Amino acid sequence: MNYQGQSRRRDQGVAALLQSIGQQPPFVEEFLLREDKTLDDFHNFLGKYSDQLDEVVRDFIQEKFDEVTQSKEKKPQHQEL
């Protein structure tokens, strides 16, 4: 449930990760569960907390960051005439 009381579909990969690694600091779980992460959010989070994260969590976030980066690069660029 989100703060508005509406149910939200959770990313199954995030849910499985959180179950497999156990208790994490609240800032880690909050970041993982947020759906509106931007490239800057990923970059800033990894830059700030990378040394504090479990290796599995860091790798998962890096993989998601790479996926978002690749999807942005694949979008066609508009060229002005």
PDB file of N, CA and C in Angstrom:
ATOM      1  N   MET A   1       0.846  -1.175   0.000  1.00  0.00           N
ATOM      2  CA  MET A   1       0.000   0.000   0.000  1.00  0.00           C
ATOM      3  C   MET A   1       0.891   1.237   0.000  1.00  0.00           C
ATOM      4  N   ASN A   2       0.477   2.231  -0.739  1.00  0.00           N
ATOM      5  CA  ASN A   2       1.223   3.481  -0.699  1.00  0.00           C
ATOM      6  C   ASN A   2       0.571   4.429   0.288  1.00  0.00           C
ATOM      7  N   TYR A   3       1.129   5.602   0.424  1.00  0.00           N
ATOM      8  CA  TYR A   3       0.639   6.523   1.435  1.00  0.00           C
ATOM      9  C   TYR A   3      -0.771   7.028   1.144  1.00  0.00           C
ATOM     10  N   GLN A   4      -1.271   6.832  -0.058  1.00  0.00           N
ATOM     11  CA  GLN A   4      -2.632   7.230  -0.385  1.00  0.00           C
ATOM     12  C   GLN A   4      -3.617   6.087  -0.165  1.00  0.00           C
ATOM     13  N   GLY A   5      -3.145   4.958   0.284  1.00  0.00           N
ATOM     14  CA  GLY A   5      -4.012   3.826   0.543  1.00  0.00           C
ATOM     15  C   GLY A   5      -4.316   2.997  -0.687  1.00  0.00           C
ATOM     16  N   GLN A   6      -3.618   3.250  -1.773  1.00  0.00           N
ATOM     17  CA  GLN A   6      -3.831   2.497  -2.994  1.00  0.00           C
ATOM     18  C   GLN A   6      -2.802   1.376  -3.063  1.00  0.00           C
ATOM     19  N   SER A   7      -3.248   0.226  -3.541  1.00  0.00           N
ATOM     20  CA  SER A   7      -2.279  -0.856  -3.682  1.00  0.00           C
ATOM     21  C   SER A   7      -1.399  -0.571  -4.888  1.00  0.00           C
ATOM     22  N   ARG A   8      -0.171  -0.999  -4.782  1.00  0.00           N
ATOM     23  CA  ARG A   8       0.805  -0.760  -5.836  1.00  0.00           C
ATOM     24  C   ARG A   8       1.506  -2.068  -6.129  1.00  0.00           C
ATOM     25  N   ARG A   9       1.694  -2.369  -7.412  1.00  0.00           N
ATOM     26  CA  ARG A   9       2.395  -3.586  -7.778  1.00  0.00           C
ATOM     27  C   ARG A   9       3.877  -3.423  -7.452  1.00  0.00           C
ATOM     28  N   ARG A  10       4.416  -4.351  -6.711  1.00  0.00           N
ATOM     29  CA  ARG A  10       5.819  -4.278  -6.340  1.00  0.00           C
ATOM     30  C   ARG A  10       6.659  -5.011  -7.368  1.00  0.00           C
ATOM     31  N   ASP A  11       7.832  -4.502  -7.585  1.00  0.00           N
ATOM     32  CA  ASP A  11       8.795  -5.150  -8.463  1.00  0.00           C
ATOM     33  C   ASP A  11       9.168  -6.476  -7.802  1.00  0.00           C
ATOM     34  N   GLN A  12       8.905  -7.568  -8.500  1.00  0.00           N
ATOM     35  CA  GLN A  12       9.170  -8.896  -7.934  1.00  0.00           C
ATOM     36  C   GLN A  12      10.656  -9.106  -7.658  1.00  0.00           C
ATOM     37  N   GLY A  13      11.516  -8.502  -8.482  1.00  0.00           N
ATOM     38  CA  GLY A  13      12.950  -8.607  -8.249  1.00  0.00           C
ATOM     39  C   GLY A  13      13.355  -7.941  -6.948  1.00  0.00           C
ATOM     40  N   VAL A  14      12.757  -6.782  -6.663  1.00  0.00           N
ATOM     41  CA  VAL A  14      13.050  -6.071  -5.415  1.00  0.00           C
ATOM     42  C   VAL A  14      12.522  -6.871  -4.237  1.00  0.00           C
ATOM     43  N   ALA A  15      11.305  -7.375  -4.350  1.00  0.00           N
ATOM     44  CA  ALA A  15      10.718  -8.165  -3.262  1.00  0.00           C
ATOM     45  C   ALA A  15      11.574  -9.398  -2.961  1.00  0.00           C
ATOM     46  N   ALA A  16      12.006 -10.096  -4.004  1.00  0.00           N
ATOM     47  CA  ALA A  16      12.842 -11.285  -3.818  1.00  0.00           C
ATOM     48  C   ALA A  16      14.188 -10.921  -3.197  1.00  0.00           C
ATOM     49  N   LEU A  17      14.763  -9.812  -3.646  1.00  0.00           N
ATOM     50  CA  LEU A  17      16.038  -9.358  -3.086  1.00  0.00           C
ATOM     51  C   LEU A  17      15.898  -9.065  -1.599  1.00  0.00           C
ATOM     52  N   LEU A  18      14.879  -8.305  -1.235  1.00  0.00           N
ATOM     53  CA  LEU A  18      14.694  -7.951   0.176  1.00  0.00           C
ATOM     54  C   LEU A  18      14.462  -9.179   1.042  1.00  0.00           C
ATOM     55  N   GLN A  19      13.752 -10.169   0.518  1.00  0.00           N
ATOM     56  CA  GLN A  19      13.533 -11.401   1.282  1.00  0.00           C
ATOM     57  C   GLN A  19      14.822 -12.187   1.442  1.00  0.00           C
ATOM     58  N   SER A  20      15.653 -12.188   0.413  1.00  0.00           N
ATOM     59  CA  SER A  20      16.853 -13.016   0.455  1.00  0.00           C
ATOM     60  C   SER A  20      17.962 -12.428   1.321  1.00  0.00           C
ATOM     61  N   ILE A  21      17.989 -11.117   1.482  1.00  0.00           N
ATOM     62  CA  ILE A  21      19.088 -10.503   2.224  1.00  0.00           C
ATOM     63  C   ILE A  21      18.719 -10.103   3.639  1.00  0.00           C
ATOM     64  N   GLY A  22      17.447 -10.120   3.963  1.00  0.00           N
ATOM     65  CA  GLY A  22      17.054  -9.775   5.312  1.00  0.00           C
ATOM     66  C   GLY A  22      16.997  -8.269   5.539  1.00  0.00           C
ATOM     67  N   GLN A  23      17.056  -7.899   6.802  1.00  0.00           N
ATOM     68  CA  GLN A  23      16.879  -6.505   7.212  1.00  0.00           C
ATOM     69  C   GLN A  23      17.966  -5.595   6.641  1.00  0.00           C
ATOM     70  N   GLN A  24      17.532  -4.501   6.058  1.00  0.00           N
ATOM     71  CA  GLN A  24      18.435  -3.490   5.513  1.00  0.00           C
ATOM     72  C   GLN A  24      18.132  -2.154   6.177  1.00  0.00           C
ATOM     73  N   PRO A  25      19.079  -1.234   6.145  1.00  0.00           N
ATOM     74  CA  PRO A  25      18.781   0.095   6.666  1.00  0.00           C
ATOM     75  C   PRO A  25      17.578   0.685   5.930  1.00  0.00           C
ATOM     76  N   PRO A  26      16.779   1.481   6.616  1.00  0.00           N
ATOM     77  CA  PRO A  26      15.564   2.034   5.993  1.00  0.00           C
ATOM     78  C   PRO A  26      15.823   2.785   4.686  1.00  0.00           C
ATOM     79  N   PHE A  27      16.943   3.498   4.580  1.00  0.00           N
ATOM     80  CA  PHE A  27      17.203   4.253   3.355  1.00  0.00           C
ATOM     81  C   PHE A  27      17.404   3.325   2.152  1.00  0.00           C
ATOM     82  N   VAL A  28      17.893   2.114   2.396  1.00  0.00           N
ATOM     83  CA  VAL A  28      18.087   1.152   1.307  1.00  0.00           C
ATOM     84  C   VAL A  28      16.736   0.630   0.832  1.00  0.00           C
ATOM     85  N   GLU A  29      15.910   0.199   1.767  1.00  0.00           N
ATOM     86  CA  GLU A  29      14.592  -0.319   1.398  1.00  0.00           C
ATOM     87  C   GLU A  29      13.758   0.767   0.732  1.00  0.00           C
ATOM     88  N   GLU A  30      13.806   1.974   1.253  1.00  0.00           N
ATOM     89  CA  GLU A  30      13.048   3.075   0.668  1.00  0.00           C
ATOM     90  C   GLU A  30      13.475   3.314  -0.781  1.00  0.00           C
ATOM     91  N   PHE A  31      14.773   3.326  -1.019  1.00  0.00           N
ATOM     92  CA  PHE A  31      15.261   3.549  -2.375  1.00  0.00           C
ATOM     93  C   PHE A  31      14.830   2.415  -3.302  1.00  0.00           C
ATOM     94  N   LEU A  32      14.993   1.184  -2.851  1.00  0.00           N
ATOM     95  CA  LEU A  32      14.641   0.040  -3.689  1.00  0.00           C
ATOM     96  C   LEU A  32      13.155   0.017  -4.035  1.00  0.00           C
ATOM     97  N   LEU A  33      12.311   0.418  -3.111  1.00  0.00           N
ATOM     98  CA  LEU A  33      10.870   0.343  -3.314  1.00  0.00           C
ATOM     99  C   LEU A  33      10.305   1.531  -4.089  1.00  0.00           C
ATOM    100  N   ARG A  34      11.057   2.607  -4.193  1.00  0.00           N
ATOM    101  CA  ARG A  34      10.584   3.771  -4.955  1.00  0.00           C
ATOM    102  C   ARG A  34      10.503   3.429  -6.436  1.00  0.00           C
ATOM    103  N   GLU A  35       9.395   3.767  -7.062  1.00  0.00           N
ATOM    104  CA  GLU A  35       9.208   3.450  -8.479  1.00  0.00           C
ATOM    105  C   GLU A  35       9.645   4.586  -9.388  1.00  0.00           C
ATOM    106  N   ASP A  36       9.812   5.767  -8.857  1.00  0.00           N
ATOM    107  CA  ASP A  36      10.061   6.949  -9.691  1.00  0.00           C
ATOM    108  C   ASP A  36      11.532   7.366  -9.716  1.00  0.00           C
ATOM    109  N   LYS A  37      12.428   6.392  -9.675  1.00  0.00           N
ATOM    110  CA  LYS A  37      13.859   6.708  -9.639  1.00  0.00           C
ATOM    111  C   LYS A  37      14.343   7.187 -11.007  1.00  0.00           C
ATOM    112  N   THR A  38      15.144   8.243 -10.995  1.00  0.00           N
ATOM    113  CA  THR A  38      15.741   8.766 -12.225  1.00  0.00           C
ATOM    114  C   THR A  38      17.190   8.305 -12.308  1.00  0.00           C
ATOM    115  N   LEU A  39      17.822   8.569 -13.439  1.00  0.00           N
ATOM    116  CA  LEU A  39      19.245   8.250 -13.580  1.00  0.00           C
ATOM    117  C   LEU A  39      20.062   8.977 -12.519  1.00  0.00           C
ATOM    118  N   ASP A  40      19.712  10.230 -12.259  1.00  0.00           N
ATOM    119  CA  ASP A  40      20.419  10.986 -11.222  1.00  0.00           C
ATOM    120  C   ASP A  40      20.239  10.359  -9.852  1.00  0.00           C
ATOM    121  N   ASP A  41      19.037   9.858  -9.564  1.00  0.00           N
ATOM    122  CA  ASP A  41      18.791   9.194  -8.279  1.00  0.00           C
ATOM    123  C   ASP A  41      19.702   7.982  -8.107  1.00  0.00           C
ATOM    124  N   PHE A  42      19.776   7.156  -9.163  1.00  0.00           N
ATOM    125  CA  PHE A  42      20.655   5.988  -9.110  1.00  0.00           C
ATOM    126  C   PHE A  42      22.108   6.416  -8.906  1.00  0.00           C
ATOM    127  N   HIS A  43      22.535   7.365  -9.710  1.00  0.00           N
ATOM    128  CA  HIS A  43      23.923   7.826  -9.657  1.00  0.00           C
ATOM    129  C   HIS A  43      24.259   8.397  -8.278  1.00  0.00           C
ATOM    130  N   ASN A  44      23.396   9.243  -7.749  1.00  0.00           N
ATOM    131  CA  ASN A  44      23.632   9.848  -6.435  1.00  0.00           C
ATOM    132  C   ASN A  44      23.617   8.814  -5.319  1.00  0.00           C
ATOM    133  N   PHE A  45      22.673   7.887  -5.376  1.00  0.00           N
ATOM    134  CA  PHE A  45      22.575   6.867  -4.337  1.00  0.00           C
ATOM    135  C   PHE A  45      23.810   5.984  -4.318  1.00  0.00           C
ATOM    136  N   LEU A  46      24.212   5.515  -5.495  1.00  0.00           N
ATOM    137  CA  LEU A  46      25.404   4.668  -5.566  1.00  0.00           C
ATOM    138  C   LEU A  46      26.647   5.439  -5.143  1.00  0.00           C
ATOM    139  N   GLY A  47      26.747   6.692  -5.552  1.00  0.00           N
ATOM    140  CA  GLY A  47      27.902   7.497  -5.171  1.00  0.00           C
ATOM    141  C   GLY A  47      27.991   7.726  -3.673  1.00  0.00           C
ATOM    142  N   LYS A  48      26.848   7.914  -3.048  1.00  0.00           N
ATOM    143  CA  LYS A  48      26.824   8.229  -1.616  1.00  0.00           C
ATOM    144  C   LYS A  48      26.926   6.985  -0.724  1.00  0.00           C
ATOM    145  N   TYR A  49      26.268   5.892  -1.120  1.00  0.00           N
ATOM    146  CA  TYR A  49      26.137   4.741  -0.224  1.00  0.00           C
ATOM    147  C   TYR A  49      26.825   3.474  -0.699  1.00  0.00           C
ATOM    148  N   SER A  50      27.471   3.486  -1.821  1.00  0.00           N
ATOM    149  CA  SER A  50      28.033   2.266  -2.395  1.00  0.00           C
ATOM    150  C   SER A  50      28.882   1.473  -1.403  1.00  0.00           C
ATOM    151  N   ASP A  51      29.709   2.164  -0.647  1.00  0.00           N
ATOM    152  CA  ASP A  51      30.591   1.479   0.311  1.00  0.00           C
ATOM    153  C   ASP A  51      29.832   0.862   1.481  1.00  0.00           C
ATOM    154  N   GLN A  52      28.613   1.335   1.743  1.00  0.00           N
ATOM    155  CA  GLN A  52      27.830   0.864   2.888  1.00  0.00           C
ATOM    156  C   GLN A  52      26.867  -0.269   2.525  1.00  0.00           C
ATOM    157  N   LEU A  53      26.726  -0.562   1.237  1.00  0.00           N
ATOM    158  CA  LEU A  53      25.742  -1.539   0.798  1.00  0.00           C
ATOM    159  C   LEU A  53      26.308  -2.949   0.781  1.00  0.00           C
ATOM    160  N   ASP A  54      25.430  -3.908   1.051  1.00  0.00           N
ATOM    161  CA  ASP A  54      25.804  -5.306   0.836  1.00  0.00           C
ATOM    162  C   ASP A  54      26.133  -5.464  -0.640  1.00  0.00           C
ATOM    163  N   GLU A  55      27.040  -6.355  -0.950  1.00  0.00           N
ATOM    164  CA  GLU A  55      27.458  -6.560  -2.331  1.00  0.00           C
ATOM    165  C   GLU A  55      26.278  -6.925  -3.231  1.00  0.00           C
ATOM    166  N   VAL A  56      25.384  -7.760  -2.729  1.00  0.00           N
ATOM    167  CA  VAL A  56      24.224  -8.185  -3.510  1.00  0.00           C
ATOM    168  C   VAL A  56      23.328  -6.990  -3.824  1.00  0.00           C
ATOM    169  N   VAL A  57      23.115  -6.129  -2.847  1.00  0.00           N
ATOM    170  CA  VAL A  57      22.278  -4.941  -3.033  1.00  0.00           C
ATOM    171  C   VAL A  57      22.947  -3.984  -4.016  1.00  0.00           C
ATOM    172  N   ARG A  58      24.228  -3.750  -3.837  1.00  0.00           N
ATOM    173  CA  ARG A  58      24.965  -2.844  -4.725  1.00  0.00           C
ATOM    174  C   ARG A  58      24.907  -3.344  -6.166  1.00  0.00           C
ATOM    175  N   ASP A  59      25.115  -4.647  -6.366  1.00  0.00           N
ATOM    176  CA  ASP A  59      25.067  -5.223  -7.709  1.00  0.00           C
ATOM    177  C   ASP A  59      23.671  -5.100  -8.315  1.00  0.00           C
ATOM    178  N   PHE A  60      22.636  -5.315  -7.510  1.00  0.00           N
ATOM    179  CA  PHE A  60      21.259  -5.211  -7.980  1.00  0.00           C
ATOM    180  C   PHE A  60      20.956  -3.783  -8.428  1.00  0.00           C
ATOM    181  N   ILE A  61      21.339  -2.802  -7.611  1.00  0.00           N
ATOM    182  CA  ILE A  61      21.085  -1.404  -7.949  1.00  0.00           C
ATOM    183  C   ILE A  61      21.887  -1.013  -9.182  1.00  0.00           C
ATOM    184  N   GLN A  62      23.123  -1.470  -9.272  1.00  0.00           N
ATOM    185  CA  GLN A  62      23.944  -1.166 -10.441  1.00  0.00           C
ATOM    186  C   GLN A  62      23.317  -1.766 -11.701  1.00  0.00           C
ATOM    187  N   GLU A  63      22.787  -2.968 -11.592  1.00  0.00           N
ATOM    188  CA  GLU A  63      22.134  -3.613 -12.730  1.00  0.00           C
ATOM    189  C   GLU A  63      20.907  -2.819 -13.172  1.00  0.00           C
ATOM    190  N   LYS A  64      20.104  -2.370 -12.220  1.00  0.00           N
ATOM    191  CA  LYS A  64      18.924  -1.554 -12.547  1.00  0.00           C
ATOM    192  C   LYS A  64      19.349  -0.242 -13.179  1.00  0.00           C
ATOM    193  N   PHE A  65      20.407   0.379 -12.650  1.00  0.00           N
ATOM    194  CA  PHE A  65      20.945   1.620 -13.208  1.00  0.00           C
ATOM    195  C   PHE A  65      21.362   1.395 -14.657  1.00  0.00           C
ATOM    196  N   ASP A  66      22.073   0.304 -14.911  1.00  0.00           N
ATOM    197  CA  ASP A  66      22.513  -0.017 -16.269  1.00  0.00           C
ATOM    198  C   ASP A  66      21.317  -0.229 -17.205  1.00  0.00           C
ATOM    199  N   GLU A  67      20.258  -0.890 -16.713  1.00  0.00           N
ATOM    200  CA  GLU A  67      19.064  -1.105 -17.525  1.00  0.00           C
ATOM    201  C   GLU A  67      18.407   0.216 -17.906  1.00  0.00           C
ATOM    202  N   VAL A  68      18.291   1.118 -16.942  1.00  0.00           N
ATOM    203  CA  VAL A  68      17.679   2.422 -17.208  1.00  0.00           C
ATOM    204  C   VAL A  68      18.540   3.207 -18.183  1.00  0.00           C
ATOM    205  N   THR A  69      19.847   3.169 -17.988  1.00  0.00           N
ATOM    206  CA  THR A  69      20.767   3.883 -18.880  1.00  0.00           C
ATOM    207  C   THR A  69      20.642   3.348 -20.301  1.00  0.00           C
ATOM    208  N   GLN A  70      20.620   2.044 -20.465  1.00  0.00           N
ATOM    209  CA  GLN A  70      20.511   1.441 -21.790  1.00  0.00           C
ATOM    210  C   GLN A  70      19.179   1.764 -22.443  1.00  0.00           C
ATOM    211  N   SER A  71      18.104   1.769 -21.667  1.00  0.00           N
ATOM    212  CA  SER A  71      16.801   2.071 -22.261  1.00  0.00           C
ATOM    213  C   SER A  71      16.738   3.530 -22.710  1.00  0.00           C
ATOM    214  N   LYS A  72      17.398   4.415 -21.994  1.00  0.00           N
ATOM    215  CA  LYS A  72      17.444   5.829 -22.390  1.00  0.00           C
ATOM    216  C   LYS A  72      18.262   6.003 -23.666  1.00  0.00           C
ATOM    217  N   GLU A  73      19.337   5.238 -23.795  1.00  0.00           N
ATOM    218  CA  GLU A  73      20.204   5.343 -24.965  1.00  0.00           C
ATOM    219  C   GLU A  73      19.527   4.792 -26.217  1.00  0.00           C
ATOM    220  N   LYS A  74      18.623   3.833 -26.055  1.00  0.00           N
ATOM    221  CA  LYS A  74      17.969   3.211 -27.199  1.00  0.00           C
ATOM    222  C   LYS A  74      16.834   4.045 -27.762  1.00  0.00           C
ATOM    223  N   LYS A  75      16.330   5.013 -26.988  1.00  0.00           N
ATOM    224  CA  LYS A  75      15.246   5.845 -27.475  1.00  0.00           C
ATOM    225  C   LYS A  75      15.752   6.703 -28.635  1.00  0.00           C
ATOM    226  N   PRO A  76      14.988   6.785 -29.698  1.00  0.00           N
ATOM    227  CA  PRO A  76      15.436   7.583 -30.850  1.00  0.00           C
ATOM    228  C   PRO A  76      15.533   9.058 -30.484  1.00  0.00           C
ATOM    229  N   GLN A  77      16.567   9.661 -30.954  1.00  0.00           N
ATOM    230  CA  GLN A  77      16.789  11.084 -30.734  1.00  0.00           C
ATOM    231  C   GLN A  77      16.104  11.864 -31.852  1.00  0.00           C
ATOM    232  N   HIS A  78      15.412  12.926 -31.495  1.00  0.00           N
ATOM    233  CA  HIS A  78      14.780  13.788 -32.491  1.00  0.00           C
ATOM    234  C   HIS A  78      15.802  14.730 -33.061  1.00  0.00           C
ATOM    235  N   GLN A  79      15.805  14.811 -34.349  1.00  0.00           N
ATOM    236  CA  GLN A  79      16.738  15.727 -35.001  1.00  0.00           C
ATOM    237  C   GLN A  79      15.941  16.864 -35.582  1.00  0.00           C
ATOM    238  N   GLU A  80      16.456  18.053 -35.394  1.00  0.00           N
ATOM    239  CA  GLU A  80      15.800  19.216 -35.978  1.00  0.00           C
ATOM    240  C   GLU A  80      16.178  19.333 -37.418  1.00  0.00           C
ATOM    241  N   LEU A  81      15.233  19.747 -38.223  1.00  0.00           N
ATOM    242  CA  LEU A  81      15.485  19.924 -39.655  1.00  0.00           C
ATOM    243  C   LEU A  81      15.961  21.312 -39.962  1.00  0.00           C
TER     244      LEU A  81
END
